[in-house]
Amino acid sequence: MGRPEKAGVREMKPMVHALYPIGESGGPQRLLGQAAGKGSIRVEMGPRICDKCGRDTPHLRCHHRLSEDVEECGGRTSVRKRKGDHNRRRMGQRTSVPLGKIVETKRRALGLNRIPDRIKAVKGLISIAQTPEPIEKGILRARHGVSVFRDGTSRYDMSDVPLTHFKPSEIGTPWKRLSELGYSHDVFGETLASDEQMLELLPQDFVASRSARQHLLSTCQFVDDLLIRFYKMEPFYRATEELDLVGHLGIGLAPHTSGGVLCRIIGWTDASAGYAHPLFHAAKRRNCDGDEDSLMMLLDGLLNFSKTILPSGRGGRMDAPLVLSTRIDASEIDKEALNVDCGWSYSKAFYEGTKSQPHPSEMERIVDLVEGRLGTVGEVRGYGWTHDSGELDAGPANSSYKTLETMEDKMLAQLAIGRRLRSVSAARVASQVIESHFLPDLRGNLMAFTRQKVRCVKCGHSYRRMPLAGKCIQTTSSSGLGLGSSQDGGTLCGGNVVLTVSEGAVRKYIKITSEVMETYGVDDYTKQRVGWMTDSVDSLFNDDKVTVMTLEDFI
């Protein structure tokens, strides 16, 4: 099956508003307000020293007060060097933070009557310096319903679709607005004066999925709030509807890379995809074979991205805009994008040459490709247009693979199509689906069940093995600074300890697999593998009854 289209917010799991560590103090849902209600907490953060008052603080700005009746010191801080730091993977140390006082001070500084009830923080920081981002950013993100990715930015993922020409009516942007953005003439040289004229897409312009509208608007409103309340500056976006976003700049970034590409939003599509020039997709190291990339607003990236908060592990610098390409150079991108046909028409020699079914490379000399235009303005402009192909996003809004809810529904629909097609063996398709999807999933869930940890539903602490007490043995220390061992004194948690992988998760595909084998028929090898795996699951969850036999049973 082809990869289904996608358009959705890029979020960490579970979702996060603030890259600020609160340990177990925020409960299972990691709520900043719940942690702040405990006064002081003990968490692991990197040591820093205030350049103004000289006191130790883990924050970028000093949180200490010179006296009880004055505000925070607010001085800039720098990393406090320690012996052996160069040998450490992370530089954090356990420290006490008066979170309750800090949050209250930040609330007043931001000019808010109250902070949001549900501000999701993180249990711990995984960067090298383990320095948190300003807590004000997390408060304002929660206020606008914006989540944060691990690098400090807010992103929206969309499947890549190449585009070279469009009409204003297809992207929902009036022709007068497009004229202001540089689209003064159509592909035939006529002055733009209608929503139905055909235009050539500029290489770094982007047509976003309309499903991203609310996320991008919320991000812009968060950035404006950040500029006003935190940086004490004027707002920048002032966006309240989708047309307000047209003309603003963004950053396109592909996973597993470290280079973003500058783009400009010019319109919207109802498809679950992002339409852009082939050169733009190639500049992101993509070839449009079903890939999905993220879009972030430029000012969000400039204000909130920081290399110091990236994970310290291998690959921590991937999927992060470490560099930003502001201009696309066609000679520096992947050659696949240089094979785009730019011709306005096809010669008689081309049509006659296709009769012998030659290799495409044999026809390059009589076809106008981007590669033949390198070094000229034609490498980015003047792409030919030969015929209309209908509406930009015509067809189903979403494929059946997305509209069908369960995996069982998707597989049965696939097999039903296979049964109707003479060129397809439904039994073979069923065997391949079971072999490549259901059996590996069943085996993986079975291993996960046997290796799982147990978790306390009250405090969220996990154990490799069930405590002998049969309940959580973590305690809240007498100083109120978080959870510790049972020897620290304080109140025993005593929460109920439950499994993290259920029996239902292991058995979920057994019934449907049996039904498929009975309905469509599969080979004996597949039947035996499924039977063996089913017996293994039954042996794990069912009590094996031992039957004691005597000599009389054989008489």
Protein backbone atom coordinates (compact mmCIF):
# COMPACT_ATOMS: atom_id res chain seq x y z
CA MET A 1 0.00 0.00 0.00
CA GLY A 2 1.12 3.56 -0.61
CA ARG A 3 1.98 5.75 2.33
CA PRO A 4 -1.11 7.70 3.50
CA GLU A 5 -1.16 11.49 3.48
CA LYS A 6 -0.56 13.31 6.73
CA ALA A 7 -1.00 16.74 8.25
CA GLY A 8 -0.66 17.15 11.99
CA VAL A 9 1.15 18.88 14.83
CA ARG A 10 4.65 17.61 15.61
CA GLU A 11 4.56 16.91 19.34
CA MET A 12 6.63 15.06 21.88
CA LYS A 13 4.94 12.13 23.55
CA PRO A 14 3.50 12.99 25.98
CA MET A 15 2.77 16.58 24.90
CA VAL A 16 4.84 19.38 26.47
CA HIS A 17 4.38 23.13 26.94
CA ALA A 18 7.47 23.97 28.99
CA LEU A 19 10.98 22.55 28.70
CA TYR A 20 11.37 22.91 32.45
CA PRO A 21 12.13 19.93 34.76
CA ILE A 22 9.81 19.16 37.68
CA GLY A 23 10.70 15.51 38.36
CA GLU A 24 7.86 13.56 39.94
CA SER A 25 6.47 16.64 41.67
CA GLY A 26 3.94 17.32 38.92
CA GLY A 27 2.25 13.93 39.24
CA PRO A 28 1.58 11.51 36.37
CA GLN A 29 0.51 14.37 34.06
CA ARG A 30 3.62 16.48 34.84
CA LEU A 31 1.63 19.62 35.71
CA LEU A 32 3.73 22.68 36.48
CA GLY A 33 1.04 24.16 38.72
CA GLN A 34 0.89 21.01 40.83
CA ALA A 35 4.66 21.06 41.28
CA ALA A 36 4.60 24.78 42.13
CA GLY A 37 1.99 24.08 44.81
CA LYS A 38 4.61 22.07 46.72
CA GLY A 39 6.77 25.15 47.22
CA SER A 40 10.32 23.92 46.66
CA ILE A 41 11.27 20.90 44.62
CA ARG A 42 14.51 19.04 44.03
CA VAL A 43 15.42 18.50 40.40
CA GLU A 44 18.54 17.96 38.30
CA MET A 45 19.75 21.05 36.45
CA GLY A 46 23.11 22.39 35.29
CA PRO A 47 24.96 24.75 37.68
CA ARG A 48 25.22 28.39 36.64
CA ILE A 49 26.38 31.51 38.45
CA CYS A 50 24.86 34.98 38.36
CA ASP A 51 27.07 37.67 36.86
CA LYS A 52 25.27 40.29 38.96
CA CYS A 53 24.95 38.91 42.51
CA GLY A 54 27.41 35.99 42.28
CA ARG A 55 24.98 33.37 43.61
CA ASP A 56 24.40 29.91 42.14
CA THR A 57 21.27 29.46 40.03
CA PRO A 58 20.25 26.93 37.36
CA HIS A 59 18.37 29.50 35.26
CA LEU A 60 19.45 31.79 32.42
CA ARG A 61 18.32 34.72 34.58
CA CYS A 62 19.02 34.72 38.33
CA HIS A 63 15.91 33.82 40.34
CA HIS A 64 17.27 34.87 43.75
CA ARG A 65 15.90 37.83 45.66
CA LEU A 66 18.23 40.33 47.31
CA SER A 67 15.58 40.69 50.03
CA GLU A 68 12.04 39.47 50.64
CA ASP A 69 10.43 42.76 49.63
CA VAL A 70 12.09 43.09 46.20
CA GLU A 71 11.73 41.28 42.91
CA GLU A 72 14.18 38.74 41.52
CA CYS A 73 17.80 39.70 40.89
CA GLY A 74 17.31 38.99 37.16
CA GLY A 75 21.01 39.08 36.36
CA ARG A 76 22.44 37.14 33.43
CA THR A 77 24.09 33.86 34.34
CA SER A 78 26.96 31.82 32.92
CA VAL A 79 27.92 28.17 33.26
CA ARG A 80 29.81 27.40 36.48
CA LYS A 81 32.86 25.34 35.63
CA ARG A 82 33.63 22.26 37.71
CA LYS A 83 36.41 19.74 37.67
CA GLY A 84 35.69 16.74 35.47
CA ASP A 85 32.88 18.42 33.52
CA HIS A 86 34.57 17.52 30.24
CA ASN A 87 34.18 13.82 31.09
CA ARG A 88 30.48 14.07 31.92
CA ARG A 89 27.71 13.36 29.43
CA ARG A 90 25.43 15.79 31.25
CA MET A 91 26.42 18.51 33.68
CA GLY A 92 23.34 18.59 35.92
CA GLN A 93 23.27 18.19 39.67
CA ARG A 94 20.47 17.85 42.21
CA THR A 95 19.42 21.27 43.36
CA SER A 96 16.57 22.81 45.35
CA VAL A 97 14.38 25.25 43.41
CA PRO A 98 11.68 27.42 45.07
CA LEU A 99 9.31 26.77 42.19
CA GLY A 100 6.23 28.17 43.89
CA LYS A 101 7.81 31.59 44.43
CA ILE A 102 9.36 31.57 40.95
CA VAL A 103 6.06 30.84 39.19
CA GLU A 104 4.27 33.54 41.17
CA THR A 105 6.99 36.07 40.33
CA LYS A 106 6.82 35.17 36.64
CA ARG A 107 3.02 35.48 36.67
CA ARG A 108 3.26 39.04 37.96
CA ALA A 109 6.07 39.90 35.54
CA LEU A 110 3.98 38.67 32.59
CA GLY A 111 0.99 40.70 33.75
CA LEU A 112 -1.32 37.68 34.06
CA ASN A 113 -4.13 37.40 36.60
CA ARG A 114 -3.53 33.66 36.82
CA ILE A 115 -1.50 31.02 35.04
CA PRO A 116 -3.18 28.28 32.95
CA ASP A 117 -4.38 25.29 34.94
CA ARG A 118 -2.67 22.70 32.76
CA ILE A 119 0.92 23.59 31.93
CA LYS A 120 2.71 20.40 30.88
CA ALA A 121 6.38 20.32 31.86
CA VAL A 122 9.05 17.58 31.63
CA LYS A 123 10.37 15.26 34.29
CA GLY A 124 13.99 15.98 33.41
CA LEU A 125 16.25 17.68 30.87
CA ILE A 126 18.34 15.55 28.50
CA SER A 127 20.63 18.25 27.12
CA ILE A 128 24.33 18.48 27.94
CA ALA A 129 24.12 21.66 30.02
CA GLN A 130 20.67 20.74 31.40
CA THR A 131 19.71 24.42 31.48
CA PRO A 132 15.93 25.00 31.22
CA GLU A 133 14.38 27.48 28.86
CA PRO A 134 12.72 30.50 30.54
CA ILE A 135 9.64 29.25 32.36
CA GLU A 136 7.66 32.20 30.98
CA LYS A 137 7.69 30.58 27.54
CA GLY A 138 5.96 27.48 28.84
CA ILE A 139 3.32 29.58 30.63
CA LEU A 140 2.53 31.54 27.46
CA ARG A 141 2.50 28.43 25.25
CA ALA A 142 -0.10 26.84 27.52
CA ARG A 143 -2.07 30.08 27.43
CA HIS A 144 -2.35 29.81 23.65
CA GLY A 145 -2.59 26.02 23.42
CA VAL A 146 0.76 25.60 21.66
CA SER A 147 2.97 22.59 22.30
CA VAL A 148 6.77 22.58 22.04
CA PHE A 149 9.17 20.18 20.35
CA ARG A 150 12.42 19.15 21.97
CA ASP A 151 14.40 21.98 20.34
CA GLY A 152 12.11 24.75 21.61
CA THR A 153 10.11 25.28 18.39
CA SER A 154 6.48 24.56 17.50
CA ARG A 155 5.97 22.61 14.27
CA TYR A 156 3.33 21.25 11.93
CA ASP A 157 4.03 18.21 9.73
CA MET A 158 2.70 17.86 6.19
CA SER A 159 3.26 15.36 3.37
CA ASP A 160 5.35 16.79 0.53
CA VAL A 161 3.70 17.38 -2.85
CA PRO A 162 5.53 19.08 -5.77
CA LEU A 163 3.91 22.03 -7.54
CA THR A 164 5.05 24.39 -10.30
CA HIS A 165 1.85 26.22 -11.37
CA PHE A 166 -1.40 27.27 -9.70
CA LYS A 167 -4.41 29.57 -9.91
CA PRO A 168 -5.25 32.07 -7.13
CA SER A 169 -8.68 30.44 -6.76
CA GLU A 170 -7.00 27.10 -5.97
CA ILE A 171 -5.10 28.40 -2.93
CA GLY A 172 -7.74 30.71 -1.47
CA THR A 173 -5.70 33.90 -1.83
CA PRO A 174 -7.16 36.84 -3.81
CA TRP A 175 -5.23 37.85 -6.91
CA LYS A 176 -4.73 41.38 -5.56
CA ARG A 177 -2.87 39.99 -2.53
CA LEU A 178 -0.74 37.75 -4.75
CA SER A 179 0.08 40.76 -6.93
CA GLU A 180 1.43 42.49 -3.83
CA LEU A 181 3.62 39.43 -3.20
CA GLY A 182 5.28 39.61 -6.62
CA TYR A 183 2.91 37.65 -8.85
CA SER A 184 2.34 40.51 -11.30
CA HIS A 185 1.87 38.46 -14.51
CA ASP A 186 0.55 35.04 -15.44
CA VAL A 187 2.44 32.34 -17.38
CA PHE A 188 1.49 33.96 -20.72
CA GLY A 189 2.80 37.40 -19.75
CA GLU A 190 -0.63 38.91 -19.15
CA THR A 191 -1.06 41.28 -16.19
CA LEU A 192 -2.66 39.48 -13.24
CA ALA A 193 -6.28 40.64 -12.94
CA SER A 194 -8.28 37.49 -12.15
CA ASP A 195 -8.39 34.56 -9.72
CA GLU A 196 -8.51 32.14 -12.68
CA GLN A 197 -5.21 33.04 -14.36
CA MET A 198 -2.41 30.46 -14.31
CA LEU A 199 0.67 31.52 -12.32
CA GLU A 200 4.13 30.03 -11.99
CA LEU A 201 5.06 29.23 -8.39
CA LEU A 202 8.12 31.01 -7.05
CA PRO A 203 10.72 28.47 -5.83
CA GLN A 204 10.47 29.27 -2.11
CA ASP A 205 6.72 29.86 -1.84
CA PHE A 206 4.62 27.38 0.11
CA VAL A 207 0.95 26.35 -0.01
CA ALA A 208 0.09 24.94 3.41
CA SER A 209 -2.61 22.51 4.44
CA ARG A 210 -5.66 24.34 5.75
CA SER A 211 -5.66 22.00 8.77
CA ALA A 212 -2.49 23.80 9.93
CA ARG A 213 -4.28 27.15 10.02
CA GLN A 214 -5.26 27.13 13.71
CA HIS A 215 -1.88 25.85 14.85
CA LEU A 216 0.00 28.51 12.90
CA LEU A 217 -2.35 31.25 14.11
CA SER A 218 -1.92 30.11 17.72
CA THR A 219 1.85 30.04 17.26
CA CYS A 220 1.83 33.59 15.89
CA GLN A 221 -0.35 34.76 18.78
CA PHE A 222 2.02 33.06 21.24
CA VAL A 223 5.02 34.77 19.62
CA ASP A 224 3.30 38.16 19.79
CA ASP A 225 2.43 37.58 23.46
CA LEU A 226 6.04 36.58 24.07
CA LEU A 227 7.29 39.77 22.44
CA ILE A 228 4.92 41.94 24.46
CA ARG A 229 5.01 40.32 27.90
CA PHE A 230 8.48 38.79 28.05
CA TYR A 231 10.70 40.81 25.71
CA LYS A 232 8.77 44.11 26.24
CA MET A 233 8.55 44.75 22.49
CA GLU A 234 5.84 45.42 19.94
CA PRO A 235 3.88 42.47 18.45
CA PHE A 236 4.94 41.29 15.01
CA TYR A 237 2.29 39.05 13.43
CA ARG A 238 -1.05 40.48 14.66
CA ALA A 239 -2.72 37.50 12.92
CA THR A 240 -6.36 36.62 13.56
CA GLU A 241 -7.37 34.78 10.34
CA GLU A 242 -5.71 32.66 7.66
CA LEU A 243 -5.29 35.52 5.19
CA ASP A 244 -3.17 37.35 7.81
CA LEU A 245 -0.59 34.55 7.55
CA VAL A 246 -0.17 34.94 3.80
CA GLY A 247 3.18 36.61 3.05
CA HIS A 248 4.82 35.62 6.32
CA LEU A 249 8.02 33.58 6.34
CA GLY A 250 8.50 30.10 7.69
CA ILE A 251 11.13 27.37 7.95
CA GLY A 252 10.79 24.03 6.17
CA LEU A 253 12.71 21.22 7.85
CA ALA A 254 12.96 17.51 7.11
CA PRO A 255 13.50 14.91 9.86
CA HIS A 256 17.02 13.48 10.19
CA THR A 257 18.55 16.67 8.81
CA SER A 258 19.95 19.79 10.46
CA GLY A 259 19.28 22.40 7.79
CA GLY A 260 16.09 24.41 7.46
CA VAL A 261 15.04 26.18 4.25
CA LEU A 262 13.36 29.58 4.25
CA CYS A 263 9.90 29.71 2.68
CA ARG A 264 6.92 32.05 2.36
CA ILE A 265 3.28 31.11 2.94
CA ILE A 266 1.12 32.21 -0.01
CA GLY A 267 -2.06 30.16 0.35
CA TRP A 268 -3.94 27.09 1.55
CA THR A 269 -5.15 23.73 0.36
CA ASP A 270 -7.79 21.35 1.70
CA ALA A 271 -5.44 18.41 1.11
CA SER A 272 -3.49 16.88 4.00
CA ALA A 273 -0.26 17.99 2.42
CA GLY A 274 2.04 20.92 1.76
CA TYR A 275 2.51 22.03 -1.86
CA ALA A 276 5.87 23.54 -2.81
CA HIS A 277 8.32 23.80 -5.69
CA PRO A 278 10.40 20.68 -6.52
CA LEU A 279 13.55 22.73 -5.85
CA PHE A 280 12.28 23.59 -2.36
CA HIS A 281 11.58 19.97 -1.47
CA ALA A 282 14.97 18.92 -2.86
CA ALA A 283 16.70 21.64 -0.82
CA LYS A 284 15.30 19.92 2.28
CA ARG A 285 16.93 16.67 1.06
CA ARG A 286 13.60 15.26 -0.07
CA ASN A 287 12.46 13.69 -3.37
CA CYS A 288 8.66 13.72 -2.79
CA ASP A 289 8.18 9.97 -2.54
CA GLY A 290 5.70 10.26 0.33
CA ASP A 291 7.96 12.10 2.76
CA GLU A 292 6.58 14.46 5.36
CA ASP A 293 8.34 17.58 6.62
CA SER A 294 7.62 20.20 9.21
CA LEU A 295 6.79 23.87 8.91
CA MET A 296 7.51 26.41 11.65
CA MET A 297 7.06 30.15 11.72
CA LEU A 298 10.39 31.93 11.20
CA LEU A 299 10.17 34.19 14.27
CA ASP A 300 9.32 31.22 16.50
CA GLY A 301 12.48 29.49 15.32
CA LEU A 302 14.64 32.60 15.76
CA LEU A 303 13.35 33.35 19.27
CA ASN A 304 12.93 29.90 20.78
CA PHE A 305 15.38 27.49 19.12
CA SER A 306 18.60 26.91 21.02
CA LYS A 307 21.38 24.36 20.53
CA THR A 308 21.89 24.24 24.32
CA ILE A 309 18.54 22.50 24.89
CA LEU A 310 19.04 19.77 22.28
CA PRO A 311 19.40 16.19 23.59
CA SER A 312 22.92 15.06 24.40
CA GLY A 313 22.49 11.59 22.91
CA ARG A 314 23.47 10.43 19.45
CA GLY A 315 21.26 12.09 16.91
CA GLY A 316 20.35 14.92 19.26
CA ARG A 317 21.33 17.52 16.67
CA MET A 318 19.23 15.93 13.96
CA ASP A 319 15.77 17.26 13.16
CA ALA A 320 16.90 20.70 14.33
CA PRO A 321 17.39 23.94 12.34
CA LEU A 322 21.10 24.34 13.12
CA VAL A 323 21.50 26.22 9.83
CA LEU A 324 19.02 28.11 7.66
CA SER A 325 19.27 28.33 3.88
CA THR A 326 17.79 31.65 2.82
CA ARG A 327 18.28 31.14 -0.92
CA ILE A 328 18.01 28.00 -3.06
CA ASP A 329 20.86 27.31 -5.46
CA ALA A 330 19.69 24.76 -8.04
CA SER A 331 23.27 23.61 -8.71
CA GLU A 332 23.70 22.51 -5.07
CA ILE A 333 20.61 20.34 -4.61
CA ASP A 334 19.91 16.70 -5.40
CA LYS A 335 20.10 15.85 -9.12
CA GLU A 336 16.67 14.25 -9.04
CA ALA A 337 15.03 17.69 -8.91
CA LEU A 338 17.03 18.72 -11.99
CA ASN A 339 15.15 16.13 -14.07
CA VAL A 340 11.94 18.18 -13.96
CA ASP A 341 10.49 18.82 -17.41
CA CYS A 342 10.27 22.57 -18.15
CA GLY A 343 9.14 22.45 -21.77
CA TRP A 344 6.23 24.44 -23.20
CA SER A 345 5.59 21.83 -25.88
CA TYR A 346 6.95 18.55 -27.28
CA SER A 347 8.51 18.11 -30.70
CA LYS A 348 7.56 15.60 -33.38
CA ALA A 349 10.89 13.85 -32.76
CA PHE A 350 9.90 13.29 -29.13
CA TYR A 351 6.64 11.55 -29.97
CA GLU A 352 8.26 9.44 -32.69
CA GLY A 353 11.12 8.54 -30.35
CA THR A 354 8.76 7.19 -27.69
CA LYS A 355 7.49 4.48 -30.04
CA SER A 356 10.59 2.37 -29.42
CA GLN A 357 10.19 2.77 -25.63
CA PRO A 358 13.72 4.09 -25.01
CA HIS A 359 15.29 4.73 -21.62
CA PRO A 360 14.48 8.28 -20.42
CA SER A 361 18.16 9.20 -20.49
CA GLU A 362 18.13 8.66 -24.27
CA MET A 363 15.52 11.41 -24.68
CA GLU A 364 17.23 14.06 -22.55
CA ARG A 365 18.69 15.88 -25.53
CA ILE A 366 15.24 16.66 -27.00
CA VAL A 367 13.48 17.52 -23.71
CA ASP A 368 13.86 20.81 -21.83
CA LEU A 369 15.03 19.82 -18.33
CA VAL A 370 16.12 21.98 -15.38
CA GLU A 371 19.60 20.46 -15.63
CA GLY A 372 20.07 22.07 -19.05
CA ARG A 373 19.23 25.49 -17.58
CA LEU A 374 21.78 25.57 -14.74
CA GLY A 375 23.67 28.82 -14.52
CA THR A 376 20.83 30.85 -16.00
CA VAL A 377 17.69 32.47 -14.63
CA GLY A 378 15.80 29.62 -16.28
CA GLU A 379 16.89 27.23 -13.52
CA VAL A 380 14.32 28.80 -11.20
CA ARG A 381 11.91 30.70 -13.47
CA GLY A 382 10.15 30.19 -16.80
CA TYR A 383 9.02 26.58 -16.28
CA GLY A 384 6.66 25.61 -19.09
CA TRP A 385 2.94 24.88 -18.75
CA THR A 386 1.28 22.70 -21.36
CA HIS A 387 -2.25 21.83 -20.22
CA ASP A 388 -4.69 22.15 -17.35
CA SER A 389 -4.93 19.22 -14.95
CA GLY A 390 -7.98 20.26 -12.94
CA GLU A 391 -8.22 21.62 -9.42
CA LEU A 392 -5.04 21.58 -7.35
CA ASP A 393 -6.48 19.39 -4.57
CA ALA A 394 -9.24 17.61 -6.51
CA GLY A 395 -10.15 14.10 -5.42
CA PRO A 396 -10.77 12.55 -2.00
CA ALA A 397 -9.86 14.79 0.93
CA ASN A 398 -8.37 11.76 2.68
CA SER A 399 -7.64 8.22 1.54
CA SER A 400 -9.54 5.23 2.94
CA TYR A 401 -6.46 4.30 4.91
CA LYS A 402 -7.08 7.39 7.07
CA THR A 403 -10.88 7.37 7.14
CA LEU A 404 -11.06 3.72 8.23
CA GLU A 405 -10.48 3.76 11.99
CA THR A 406 -9.02 0.38 12.98
CA MET A 407 -6.25 -1.71 11.49
CA GLU A 408 -8.74 -4.55 11.06
CA ASP A 409 -10.99 -2.36 8.89
CA LYS A 410 -8.02 -1.26 6.78
CA MET A 411 -6.82 -4.80 6.21
CA LEU A 412 -10.27 -6.18 5.36
CA ALA A 413 -10.79 -3.35 2.87
CA GLN A 414 -7.46 -4.15 1.27
CA LEU A 415 -8.32 -7.83 1.00
CA ALA A 416 -11.76 -7.04 -0.43
CA ILE A 417 -10.11 -5.09 -3.24
CA GLY A 418 -7.64 -7.93 -3.79
CA ARG A 419 -10.49 -10.38 -4.17
CA ARG A 420 -12.06 -8.25 -6.95
CA LEU A 421 -8.86 -7.91 -8.97
CA ARG A 422 -7.99 -10.81 -11.25
CA SER A 423 -4.31 -9.89 -11.11
CA VAL A 424 -4.18 -10.28 -7.30
CA SER A 425 -4.25 -13.43 -5.17
CA ALA A 426 -6.23 -12.54 -2.03
CA ALA A 427 -4.77 -15.55 -0.20
CA ARG A 428 -1.24 -14.40 -0.94
CA VAL A 429 -2.05 -10.84 0.18
CA ALA A 430 -3.51 -12.22 3.41
CA SER A 431 -0.38 -14.31 4.04
CA GLN A 432 1.90 -11.35 3.40
CA VAL A 433 -0.08 -9.05 5.71
CA ILE A 434 -0.05 -11.63 8.49
CA GLU A 435 3.66 -12.39 8.00
CA SER A 436 4.82 -8.78 7.71
CA HIS A 437 2.49 -7.02 10.15
CA PHE A 438 0.43 -9.14 12.53
CA LEU A 439 3.01 -11.75 13.52
CA PRO A 440 5.85 -9.24 14.16
CA ASP A 441 3.41 -7.07 16.14
CA LEU A 442 2.18 -10.05 18.17
CA ARG A 443 5.72 -11.19 18.87
CA GLY A 444 6.84 -7.69 19.84
CA ASN A 445 3.89 -7.18 22.20
CA LEU A 446 4.56 -10.57 23.78
CA MET A 447 8.19 -9.62 24.47
CA ALA A 448 7.12 -6.21 25.76
CA PHE A 449 4.72 -7.87 28.22
CA THR A 450 7.40 -10.14 29.63
CA ARG A 451 9.95 -7.31 29.97
CA GLN A 452 7.63 -4.56 31.15
CA LYS A 453 7.95 -2.37 34.20
CA VAL A 454 5.22 -1.64 36.73
CA ARG A 455 4.03 1.89 37.46
CA CYS A 456 2.40 3.63 40.40
CA VAL A 457 -0.90 5.23 39.37
CA LYS A 458 -0.56 7.84 42.13
CA CYS A 459 2.98 9.25 41.81
CA GLY A 460 3.97 7.81 38.43
CA HIS A 461 7.16 6.10 39.69
CA SER A 462 8.07 2.94 37.77
CA TYR A 463 9.73 -0.23 39.05
CA ARG A 464 11.57 -2.95 37.18
CA ARG A 465 9.93 -5.52 39.49
CA MET A 466 6.84 -5.46 41.65
CA PRO A 467 7.71 -4.25 45.22
CA LEU A 468 7.30 -6.95 47.85
CA ALA A 469 4.85 -4.68 49.66
CA GLY A 470 2.50 -4.91 46.69
CA LYS A 471 2.18 -1.12 46.55
CA CYS A 472 4.35 1.92 45.86
CA ILE A 473 7.13 2.33 48.42
CA GLN A 474 8.21 5.81 47.37
CA THR A 475 7.95 8.55 49.98
CA THR A 476 7.55 12.30 50.03
CA SER A 477 10.51 13.55 52.01
CA SER A 478 9.85 15.46 55.19
CA SER A 479 11.40 18.60 53.66
CA GLY A 480 8.76 18.57 50.92
CA LEU A 481 11.39 18.49 48.17
CA GLY A 482 10.02 15.60 46.12
CA LEU A 483 10.14 11.82 46.17
CA GLY A 484 12.84 9.75 47.74
CA SER A 485 13.50 6.28 49.06
CA SER A 486 11.56 4.77 51.97
CA GLN A 487 14.52 5.43 54.30
CA ASP A 488 14.31 9.23 53.97
CA GLY A 489 11.32 9.55 56.28
CA GLY A 490 8.14 11.34 55.35
CA THR A 491 4.84 10.04 53.98
CA LEU A 492 4.68 6.71 52.16
CA CYS A 493 3.04 7.00 48.74
CA GLY A 494 1.26 3.64 48.97
CA GLY A 495 -0.28 4.01 45.51
CA ASN A 496 -1.59 1.07 43.52
CA VAL A 497 1.07 -0.46 41.24
CA VAL A 498 -0.17 -1.64 37.84
CA LEU A 499 1.25 -3.21 34.71
CA THR A 500 2.21 -0.94 31.80
CA VAL A 501 1.38 -3.52 29.08
CA SER A 502 -2.00 -5.25 29.27
CA GLU A 503 -3.10 -8.71 28.14
CA GLY A 504 -5.45 -7.08 25.63
CA ALA A 505 -2.52 -5.35 23.90
CA VAL A 506 -0.91 -8.76 23.30
CA ARG A 507 -4.06 -10.52 22.12
CA LYS A 508 -5.53 -7.71 19.98
CA TYR A 509 -4.68 -9.24 16.57
CA ILE A 510 -5.24 -12.94 17.31
CA LYS A 511 -8.99 -12.96 16.57
CA ILE A 512 -8.80 -10.98 13.32
CA THR A 513 -5.85 -13.09 12.14
CA SER A 514 -7.86 -16.29 12.64
CA GLU A 515 -10.84 -14.81 10.78
CA VAL A 516 -8.65 -13.79 7.84
CA MET A 517 -7.10 -17.24 7.61
CA GLU A 518 -10.55 -18.88 7.58
CA THR A 519 -12.05 -16.43 5.07
CA TYR A 520 -9.23 -16.05 2.54
CA GLY A 521 -7.09 -19.10 3.18
CA VAL A 522 -3.33 -18.98 3.72
CA ASP A 523 -0.46 -21.40 3.25
CA ASP A 524 0.26 -24.11 5.85
CA TYR A 525 3.50 -22.45 6.97
CA THR A 526 1.69 -19.25 7.93
CA LYS A 527 -1.04 -21.23 9.69
CA GLN A 528 1.57 -23.09 11.74
CA ARG A 529 3.38 -19.90 12.71
CA VAL A 530 0.15 -18.26 13.83
CA GLY A 531 -0.87 -21.39 15.75
CA TRP A 532 2.49 -21.58 17.51
CA MET A 533 2.35 -17.89 18.48
CA THR A 534 -1.25 -18.21 19.70
CA ASP A 535 -0.29 -21.21 21.87
CA SER A 536 2.57 -19.17 23.33
CA VAL A 537 0.17 -16.37 24.29
CA ASP A 538 -2.32 -18.82 25.81
CA SER A 539 0.46 -20.48 27.77
CA LEU A 540 1.45 -17.11 29.22
CA PHE A 541 -2.00 -15.97 30.31
CA ASN A 542 -3.87 -19.23 31.00
CA ASP A 543 -3.20 -21.42 34.01
CA ASP A 544 -1.63 -24.69 32.91
CA LYS A 545 -3.62 -27.40 34.66
CA VAL A 546 -1.53 -30.36 35.72
CA THR A 547 -3.35 -33.65 35.31
CA VAL A 548 -2.14 -36.45 37.60
CA MET A 549 -2.54 -39.84 35.91
CA THR A 550 -2.45 -43.30 37.51
CA LEU A 551 -2.14 -46.83 36.12
CA GLU A 552 -5.93 -47.19 36.17
CA ASP A 553 -6.14 -44.54 33.43
CA PHE A 554 -4.40 -46.90 31.02
CA ILE A 555 -6.47 -49.98 31.83
